[in-house]
Amino acid sequence: MSEIVRHRDAAALTSTVAEALIERLSAVQRSGRVPHLGLTGGTIANDLYRAVAASPRRDEVEWTSVEFWWGDERFVARDSPDRNAVQAREAFLDDLGARAGRIHEMPSADDRDLDAGAQAYGNEVREFGAGSFDVLLLGLGPDGHIASLFPGYPQLHVDDQIAVAVEDSPKPPPLRISLTYAALNRSRAVWFIVSGAGKAEAVARSVAAGASVGESPASGVRGETETVWHLDEAAASAL
């Protein structure tokens, strides 16, 4: 069952989740394992990453020993500011000194074609992944999409691939790579981070009993041990 945590505003959300993320990654390292963290994109995610970088507790994590992955990516030039990876590097990865070999960016339009890029990322997850993410961060679109899995799209029903190509995203840019449910649901903890009144109806649909994956893709993601919706009051206003 999903847990819903309400925060006063977006700033309270990002600061609280930043501290929780540092504690979780530190705990994984204290247990003797290398943490695997699934990253997302978007404004609230980048605010979260900056909060991690600004936290006085940031050095509790050995950032050179964290494996970073992405749930989806825009298939544009590698240095495009539209790429989630570029934004994450600017927000916190470079500042924290994350090790280049542990930052698993999705292929770009500079590397290969879209289908080959999706297959290559699936292969990378198989080769270097730990079997599951310790924490998977996900945002939410106003239409209920997560990663680049959109309502009504055929990628929602792919269960034999780790990553898939998306050629006609309703949100630009149209070309993307996304993890599938088969990969997203191999996460110990799934943390949704959602801010703003424009997401409120999508939140309510996604957490409702009997929610349809076809209409609300976020409803199809569940953590193996926990699923938490971190919402500011605006995003929670339709609950």
C-alpha atoms as a PDB file:
ATOM      1  CA  MET A   1       0.000   0.000   0.000  1.00  0.00           C
ATOM      2  CA  SER A   2       1.247   3.473  -0.848  1.00  0.00           C
ATOM      3  CA  GLU A   3       2.087   5.989   1.858  1.00  0.00           C
ATOM      4  CA  ILE A   4       1.177   9.632   1.300  1.00  0.00           C
ATOM      5  CA  VAL A   5       3.354  12.259   2.961  1.00  0.00           C
ATOM      6  CA  ARG A   6       2.181  15.846   2.734  1.00  0.00           C
ATOM      7  CA  HIS A   7       4.618  18.748   2.942  1.00  0.00           C
ATOM      8  CA  ARG A   8       3.831  22.388   3.551  1.00  0.00           C
ATOM      9  CA  ASP A   9       5.234  23.562   0.225  1.00  0.00           C
ATOM     10  CA  ALA A  10       7.763  22.621  -2.454  1.00  0.00           C
ATOM     11  CA  ALA A  11      10.701  23.883  -0.396  1.00  0.00           C
ATOM     12  CA  ALA A  12       9.688  21.756   2.592  1.00  0.00           C
ATOM     13  CA  LEU A  13       9.220  18.763   0.291  1.00  0.00           C
ATOM     14  CA  THR A  14      12.663  19.015  -1.281  1.00  0.00           C
ATOM     15  CA  SER A  15      14.506  19.670   1.976  1.00  0.00           C
ATOM     16  CA  THR A  16      12.796  16.757   3.771  1.00  0.00           C
ATOM     17  CA  VAL A  17      13.283  14.296   0.936  1.00  0.00           C
ATOM     18  CA  ALA A  18      16.903  15.386   0.507  1.00  0.00           C
ATOM     19  CA  GLU A  19      17.637  14.478   4.109  1.00  0.00           C
ATOM     20  CA  ALA A  20      15.771  11.182   3.782  1.00  0.00           C
ATOM     21  CA  LEU A  21      17.703  10.317   0.633  1.00  0.00           C
ATOM     22  CA  ILE A  22      21.051  11.040   2.255  1.00  0.00           C
ATOM     23  CA  GLU A  23      20.083   8.866   5.232  1.00  0.00           C
ATOM     24  CA  ARG A  24      18.906   6.002   3.015  1.00  0.00           C
ATOM     25  CA  LEU A  25      22.004   5.965   0.813  1.00  0.00           C
ATOM     26  CA  SER A  26      24.249   6.232   3.857  1.00  0.00           C
ATOM     27  CA  ALA A  27      22.433   3.305   5.477  1.00  0.00           C
ATOM     28  CA  VAL A  28      22.949   1.167   2.376  1.00  0.00           C
ATOM     29  CA  GLN A  29      26.658   1.954   2.429  1.00  0.00           C
ATOM     30  CA  ARG A  30      26.911   1.199   6.162  1.00  0.00           C
ATOM     31  CA  SER A  31      25.401  -2.207   5.413  1.00  0.00           C
ATOM     32  CA  GLY A  32      28.300  -2.908   3.049  1.00  0.00           C
ATOM     33  CA  ARG A  33      26.448  -2.514  -0.238  1.00  0.00           C
ATOM     34  CA  VAL A  34      26.831  -0.051  -3.111  1.00  0.00           C
ATOM     35  CA  PRO A  35      23.622   1.996  -3.451  1.00  0.00           C
ATOM     36  CA  HIS A  36      21.826   2.131  -6.776  1.00  0.00           C
ATOM     37  CA  LEU A  37      19.759   5.309  -7.220  1.00  0.00           C
ATOM     38  CA  GLY A  38      17.224   5.872 -10.001  1.00  0.00           C
ATOM     39  CA  LEU A  39      16.957   9.538 -10.967  1.00  0.00           C
ATOM     40  CA  THR A  40      14.170  11.468 -12.637  1.00  0.00           C
ATOM     41  CA  GLY A  41      13.973  14.863 -14.325  1.00  0.00           C
ATOM     42  CA  GLY A  42      11.868  17.955 -13.934  1.00  0.00           C
ATOM     43  CA  THR A  43      11.816  21.121 -11.879  1.00  0.00           C
ATOM     44  CA  ILE A  44      11.019  19.578  -8.518  1.00  0.00           C
ATOM     45  CA  ALA A  45      13.635  16.860  -9.032  1.00  0.00           C
ATOM     46  CA  ASN A  46      16.336  19.397  -9.811  1.00  0.00           C
ATOM     47  CA  ASP A  47      15.322  21.385  -6.725  1.00  0.00           C
ATOM     48  CA  LEU A  48      15.685  18.175  -4.719  1.00  0.00           C
ATOM     49  CA  TYR A  49      19.141  17.536  -6.150  1.00  0.00           C
ATOM     50  CA  ARG A  50      20.250  21.053  -5.264  1.00  0.00           C
ATOM     51  CA  ALA A  51      18.922  20.506  -1.727  1.00  0.00           C
ATOM     52  CA  VAL A  52      21.038  17.342  -1.455  1.00  0.00           C
ATOM     53  CA  ALA A  53      24.123  19.250  -2.593  1.00  0.00           C
ATOM     54  CA  ALA A  54      23.414  22.050  -0.102  1.00  0.00           C
ATOM     55  CA  SER A  55      22.742  19.766   2.856  1.00  0.00           C
ATOM     56  CA  PRO A  56      25.226  19.901   5.745  1.00  0.00           C
ATOM     57  CA  ARG A  57      24.805  16.102   5.925  1.00  0.00           C
ATOM     58  CA  ARG A  58      25.885  15.476   2.325  1.00  0.00           C
ATOM     59  CA  ASP A  59      29.251  14.024   3.351  1.00  0.00           C
ATOM     60  CA  GLU A  60      27.544  11.182   5.194  1.00  0.00           C
ATOM     61  CA  VAL A  61      27.363   9.541   1.753  1.00  0.00           C
ATOM     62  CA  GLU A  62      30.440   8.455  -0.174  1.00  0.00           C
ATOM     63  CA  TRP A  63      29.190   9.765  -3.506  1.00  0.00           C
ATOM     64  CA  THR A  64      31.983   8.164  -5.529  1.00  0.00           C
ATOM     65  CA  SER A  65      30.456   4.811  -4.507  1.00  0.00           C
ATOM     66  CA  VAL A  66      26.874   5.435  -5.613  1.00  0.00           C
ATOM     67  CA  GLU A  67      25.564   4.054  -8.912  1.00  0.00           C
ATOM     68  CA  PHE A  68      23.309   6.576 -10.662  1.00  0.00           C
ATOM     69  CA  TRP A  69      20.666   5.555 -13.210  1.00  0.00           C
ATOM     70  CA  TRP A  70      17.820   7.283 -15.037  1.00  0.00           C
ATOM     71  CA  GLY A  71      14.177   6.306 -15.452  1.00  0.00           C
ATOM     72  CA  ASP A  72      13.959   8.076 -18.789  1.00  0.00           C
ATOM     73  CA  GLU A  73      15.796  10.485 -21.029  1.00  0.00           C
ATOM     74  CA  ARG A  74      15.240  12.840 -23.935  1.00  0.00           C
ATOM     75  CA  PHE A  75      16.906  11.468 -27.076  1.00  0.00           C
ATOM     76  CA  VAL A  76      18.720  14.638 -28.068  1.00  0.00           C
ATOM     77  CA  ALA A  77      22.375  15.685 -28.261  1.00  0.00           C
ATOM     78  CA  ARG A  78      24.440  14.557 -25.276  1.00  0.00           C
ATOM     79  CA  ASP A  79      25.184  18.133 -24.183  1.00  0.00           C
ATOM     80  CA  SER A  80      21.627  19.419 -24.695  1.00  0.00           C
ATOM     81  CA  PRO A  81      20.219  21.312 -21.693  1.00  0.00           C
ATOM     82  CA  ASP A  82      16.994  19.336 -22.273  1.00  0.00           C
ATOM     83  CA  ARG A  83      18.661  16.135 -21.086  1.00  0.00           C
ATOM     84  CA  ASN A  84      17.854  14.977 -17.567  1.00  0.00           C
ATOM     85  CA  ALA A  85      21.481  13.903 -17.149  1.00  0.00           C
ATOM     86  CA  VAL A  86      22.839  17.348 -18.013  1.00  0.00           C
ATOM     87  CA  GLN A  87      20.460  18.962 -15.529  1.00  0.00           C
ATOM     88  CA  ALA A  88      21.368  16.477 -12.796  1.00  0.00           C
ATOM     89  CA  ARG A  89      25.079  17.036 -13.334  1.00  0.00           C
ATOM     90  CA  GLU A  90      24.595  20.767 -12.999  1.00  0.00           C
ATOM     91  CA  ALA A  91      22.303  20.418  -9.976  1.00  0.00           C
ATOM     92  CA  PHE A  92      24.383  18.032  -7.875  1.00  0.00           C
ATOM     93  CA  LEU A  93      26.417  15.273  -9.477  1.00  0.00           C
ATOM     94  CA  ASP A  94      29.403  17.435 -10.417  1.00  0.00           C
ATOM     95  CA  ASP A  95      29.353  19.247  -7.084  1.00  0.00           C
ATOM     96  CA  LEU A  96      29.244  15.996  -5.118  1.00  0.00           C
ATOM     97  CA  GLY A  97      32.114  14.473  -7.080  1.00  0.00           C
ATOM     98  CA  ALA A  98      30.115  11.514  -8.382  1.00  0.00           C
ATOM     99  CA  ARG A  99      32.376   9.068 -10.176  1.00  0.00           C
ATOM    100  CA  ALA A 100      32.021   9.192 -13.964  1.00  0.00           C
ATOM    101  CA  GLY A 101      32.057   5.409 -14.295  1.00  0.00           C
ATOM    102  CA  ARG A 102      29.096   5.120 -11.942  1.00  0.00           C
ATOM    103  CA  ILE A 103      26.905   7.673 -13.758  1.00  0.00           C
ATOM    104  CA  HIS A 104      24.889   5.562 -16.175  1.00  0.00           C
ATOM    105  CA  GLU A 105      23.490   8.069 -18.647  1.00  0.00           C
ATOM    106  CA  MET A 106      21.068   6.865 -21.275  1.00  0.00           C
ATOM    107  CA  PRO A 107      22.347   7.014 -24.869  1.00  0.00           C
ATOM    108  CA  SER A 108      21.931  10.259 -26.751  1.00  0.00           C
ATOM    109  CA  ALA A 109      21.167  11.128 -30.354  1.00  0.00           C
ATOM    110  CA  ASP A 110      24.940  11.465 -30.819  1.00  0.00           C
ATOM    111  CA  ASP A 111      25.515   7.799 -30.001  1.00  0.00           C
ATOM    112  CA  ARG A 112      23.223   5.606 -32.091  1.00  0.00           C
ATOM    113  CA  ASP A 113      19.621   5.305 -33.296  1.00  0.00           C
ATOM    114  CA  LEU A 114      16.717   5.310 -30.864  1.00  0.00           C
ATOM    115  CA  ASP A 115      15.915   1.587 -30.803  1.00  0.00           C
ATOM    116  CA  ALA A 116      19.571   0.634 -30.495  1.00  0.00           C
ATOM    117  CA  GLY A 117      19.948   3.167 -27.683  1.00  0.00           C
ATOM    118  CA  ALA A 118      17.086   1.620 -25.722  1.00  0.00           C
ATOM    119  CA  GLN A 119      18.533  -1.863 -26.184  1.00  0.00           C
ATOM    120  CA  ALA A 120      21.996  -0.671 -25.149  1.00  0.00           C
ATOM    121  CA  TYR A 121      20.667   0.813 -21.921  1.00  0.00           C
ATOM    122  CA  GLY A 122      18.808  -2.368 -21.116  1.00  0.00           C
ATOM    123  CA  ASN A 123      22.069  -4.260 -21.605  1.00  0.00           C
ATOM    124  CA  GLU A 124      23.873  -1.819 -19.307  1.00  0.00           C
ATOM    125  CA  VAL A 125      21.295  -2.333 -16.563  1.00  0.00           C
ATOM    126  CA  ARG A 126      21.722  -6.101 -16.902  1.00  0.00           C
ATOM    127  CA  GLU A 127      25.516  -5.866 -16.792  1.00  0.00           C
ATOM    128  CA  PHE A 128      26.075  -3.267 -14.091  1.00  0.00           C
ATOM    129  CA  GLY A 129      22.790  -3.171 -12.170  1.00  0.00           C
ATOM    130  CA  ALA A 130      22.318  -4.792  -8.776  1.00  0.00           C
ATOM    131  CA  GLY A 131      18.962  -6.378  -9.592  1.00  0.00           C
ATOM    132  CA  SER A 132      16.982  -3.516  -8.116  1.00  0.00           C
ATOM    133  CA  PHE A 133      17.248   0.168  -7.287  1.00  0.00           C
ATOM    134  CA  ASP A 134      17.601   1.020  -3.616  1.00  0.00           C
ATOM    135  CA  VAL A 135      15.608   4.187  -4.246  1.00  0.00           C
ATOM    136  CA  LEU A 136      13.783   5.140  -7.436  1.00  0.00           C
ATOM    137  CA  LEU A 137      12.735   8.776  -7.701  1.00  0.00           C
ATOM    138  CA  LEU A 138       9.784   9.554  -9.952  1.00  0.00           C
ATOM    139  CA  GLY A 139       7.969  12.711 -10.910  1.00  0.00           C
ATOM    140  CA  LEU A 140       4.429  12.840 -12.263  1.00  0.00           C
ATOM    141  CA  GLY A 141       2.988  14.547 -15.312  1.00  0.00           C
ATOM    142  CA  PRO A 142      -0.398  16.298 -15.280  1.00  0.00           C
ATOM    143  CA  ASP A 143      -1.634  13.436 -17.479  1.00  0.00           C
ATOM    144  CA  GLY A 144      -0.431  10.822 -14.973  1.00  0.00           C
ATOM    145  CA  HIS A 145       2.665   9.736 -16.887  1.00  0.00           C
ATOM    146  CA  ILE A 146       5.852   8.625 -15.173  1.00  0.00           C
ATOM    147  CA  ALA A 147       9.295   8.377 -16.765  1.00  0.00           C
ATOM    148  CA  SER A 148       8.277   8.423 -20.451  1.00  0.00           C
ATOM    149  CA  LEU A 149       5.381   5.982 -20.094  1.00  0.00           C
ATOM    150  CA  PHE A 150       2.332   7.903 -21.272  1.00  0.00           C
ATOM    151  CA  PRO A 151      -1.396   7.124 -20.957  1.00  0.00           C
ATOM    152  CA  GLY A 152      -2.632   4.863 -23.721  1.00  0.00           C
ATOM    153  CA  TYR A 153       0.816   4.214 -25.207  1.00  0.00           C
ATOM    154  CA  PRO A 154       1.942   0.691 -26.185  1.00  0.00           C
ATOM    155  CA  GLN A 155       5.082   0.932 -24.056  1.00  0.00           C
ATOM    156  CA  LEU A 156       2.853   0.464 -20.999  1.00  0.00           C
ATOM    157  CA  HIS A 157       2.397  -3.173 -21.993  1.00  0.00           C
ATOM    158  CA  VAL A 158       6.009  -4.115 -22.740  1.00  0.00           C
ATOM    159  CA  ASP A 159       7.095  -6.709 -20.197  1.00  0.00           C
ATOM    160  CA  ASP A 160      10.068  -8.351 -21.908  1.00  0.00           C
ATOM    161  CA  GLN A 161      12.427  -5.372 -22.126  1.00  0.00           C
ATOM    162  CA  ILE A 162      14.188  -3.187 -19.580  1.00  0.00           C
ATOM    163  CA  ALA A 163      14.152  -0.039 -21.704  1.00  0.00           C
ATOM    164  CA  VAL A 164      12.024   0.993 -24.670  1.00  0.00           C
ATOM    165  CA  ALA A 165      12.068   3.624 -27.382  1.00  0.00           C
ATOM    166  CA  VAL A 166       9.360   6.296 -27.448  1.00  0.00           C
ATOM    167  CA  GLU A 167       8.998   7.944 -30.843  1.00  0.00           C
ATOM    168  CA  ASP A 168       6.001  10.213 -30.402  1.00  0.00           C
ATOM    169  CA  SER A 169       5.987  11.633 -26.902  1.00  0.00           C
ATOM    170  CA  PRO A 170       3.033  14.010 -26.444  1.00  0.00           C
ATOM    171  CA  LYS A 171       5.437  16.234 -24.527  1.00  0.00           C
ATOM    172  CA  PRO A 172       8.410  17.543 -26.511  1.00  0.00           C
ATOM    173  CA  PRO A 173      10.950  16.458 -27.452  1.00  0.00           C
ATOM    174  CA  PRO A 174       9.196  13.528 -29.162  1.00  0.00           C
ATOM    175  CA  LEU A 175      12.063  11.007 -29.073  1.00  0.00           C
ATOM    176  CA  ARG A 176      12.835   9.420 -25.703  1.00  0.00           C
ATOM    177  CA  ILE A 177      14.066   6.310 -23.963  1.00  0.00           C
ATOM    178  CA  SER A 178      12.206   4.989 -20.925  1.00  0.00           C
ATOM    179  CA  LEU A 179      12.550   2.154 -18.480  1.00  0.00           C
ATOM    180  CA  THR A 180       9.575  -0.195 -18.478  1.00  0.00           C
ATOM    181  CA  TYR A 181       7.505  -1.410 -15.542  1.00  0.00           C
ATOM    182  CA  ALA A 182       9.632  -4.551 -15.545  1.00  0.00           C
ATOM    183  CA  ALA A 183      12.595  -2.378 -14.515  1.00  0.00           C
ATOM    184  CA  LEU A 184      10.835   0.342 -12.510  1.00  0.00           C
ATOM    185  CA  ASN A 185       9.139  -2.188 -10.253  1.00  0.00           C
ATOM    186  CA  ARG A 186      12.476  -3.751  -9.356  1.00  0.00           C
ATOM    187  CA  SER A 187      13.025  -1.024  -6.769  1.00  0.00           C
ATOM    188  CA  ARG A 188      13.201  -1.487  -3.027  1.00  0.00           C
ATOM    189  CA  ALA A 189      11.752   1.979  -2.484  1.00  0.00           C
ATOM    190  CA  VAL A 190       9.788   4.132  -4.929  1.00  0.00           C
ATOM    191  CA  TRP A 191       9.500   7.796  -3.973  1.00  0.00           C
ATOM    192  CA  PHE A 192       7.190   9.992  -6.018  1.00  0.00           C
ATOM    193  CA  ILE A 193       8.005  13.694  -5.680  1.00  0.00           C
ATOM    194  CA  VAL A 194       5.161  15.907  -6.872  1.00  0.00           C
ATOM    195  CA  SER A 195       4.582  19.627  -6.528  1.00  0.00           C
ATOM    196  CA  GLY A 196       1.931  22.057  -7.723  1.00  0.00           C
ATOM    197  CA  ALA A 197      -1.818  22.291  -8.143  1.00  0.00           C
ATOM    198  CA  GLY A 198      -1.493  21.337 -11.803  1.00  0.00           C
ATOM    199  CA  LYS A 199      -0.611  17.798 -10.716  1.00  0.00           C
ATOM    200  CA  ALA A 200      -3.381  17.434  -8.099  1.00  0.00           C
ATOM    201  CA  GLU A 201      -5.943  15.638 -10.273  1.00  0.00           C
ATOM    202  CA  ALA A 202      -3.289  13.276 -11.641  1.00  0.00           C
ATOM    203  CA  VAL A 203      -2.199  12.445  -8.094  1.00  0.00           C
ATOM    204  CA  ALA A 204      -5.761  11.699  -7.029  1.00  0.00           C
ATOM    205  CA  ARG A 205      -6.350   9.434 -10.041  1.00  0.00           C
ATOM    206  CA  SER A 206      -3.063   7.608  -9.562  1.00  0.00           C
ATOM    207  CA  VAL A 207      -3.554   6.719  -5.897  1.00  0.00           C
ATOM    208  CA  ALA A 208      -7.252   5.864  -6.167  1.00  0.00           C
ATOM    209  CA  ALA A 209      -8.303   2.274  -5.578  1.00  0.00           C
ATOM    210  CA  GLY A 210      -8.680   0.470  -8.875  1.00  0.00           C
ATOM    211  CA  ALA A 211      -6.705   3.073 -10.833  1.00  0.00           C
ATOM    212  CA  SER A 212      -6.125   2.104 -14.461  1.00  0.00           C
ATOM    213  CA  VAL A 213      -2.531   1.890 -15.672  1.00  0.00           C
ATOM    214  CA  GLY A 214      -3.729   2.792 -19.156  1.00  0.00           C
ATOM    215  CA  GLU A 215      -5.174   6.068 -17.883  1.00  0.00           C
ATOM    216  CA  SER A 216      -2.786   6.733 -14.977  1.00  0.00           C
ATOM    217  CA  PRO A 217       0.582   5.084 -15.645  1.00  0.00           C
ATOM    218  CA  ALA A 218       1.921   6.101 -12.214  1.00  0.00           C
ATOM    219  CA  SER A 219      -0.493   3.631 -10.623  1.00  0.00           C
ATOM    220  CA  GLY A 220       1.513   0.767 -12.102  1.00  0.00           C
ATOM    221  CA  VAL A 221       4.694   1.410 -10.108  1.00  0.00           C
ATOM    222  CA  ARG A 222       5.181  -0.170  -6.687  1.00  0.00           C
ATOM    223  CA  GLY A 223       8.302  -0.503  -4.567  1.00  0.00           C
ATOM    224  CA  GLU A 224       9.273  -3.933  -3.254  1.00  0.00           C
ATOM    225  CA  THR A 225       9.300  -2.654   0.331  1.00  0.00           C
ATOM    226  CA  GLU A 226       7.846   0.862   0.182  1.00  0.00           C
ATOM    227  CA  THR A 227       6.018   3.268  -2.095  1.00  0.00           C
ATOM    228  CA  VAL A 228       5.836   6.841  -0.861  1.00  0.00           C
ATOM    229  CA  TRP A 229       4.108   9.826  -2.434  1.00  0.00           C
ATOM    230  CA  HIS A 230       5.834  13.012  -1.283  1.00  0.00           C
ATOM    231  CA  LEU A 231       3.399  15.823  -2.092  1.00  0.00           C
ATOM    232  CA  ASP A 232       3.267  19.506  -1.329  1.00  0.00           C
ATOM    233  CA  GLU A 233      -0.118  20.811  -0.193  1.00  0.00           C
ATOM    234  CA  ALA A 234      -0.988  22.016  -3.692  1.00  0.00           C
ATOM    235  CA  ALA A 235      -0.334  18.599  -5.263  1.00  0.00           C
ATOM    236  CA  ALA A 236      -2.334  16.940  -2.471  1.00  0.00           C
ATOM    237  CA  SER A 237      -5.280  19.310  -2.754  1.00  0.00           C
ATOM    238  CA  ALA A 238      -7.559  16.869  -4.647  1.00  0.00           C
ATOM    239  CA  LEU A 239      -7.156  14.016  -2.164  1.00  0.00           C
END
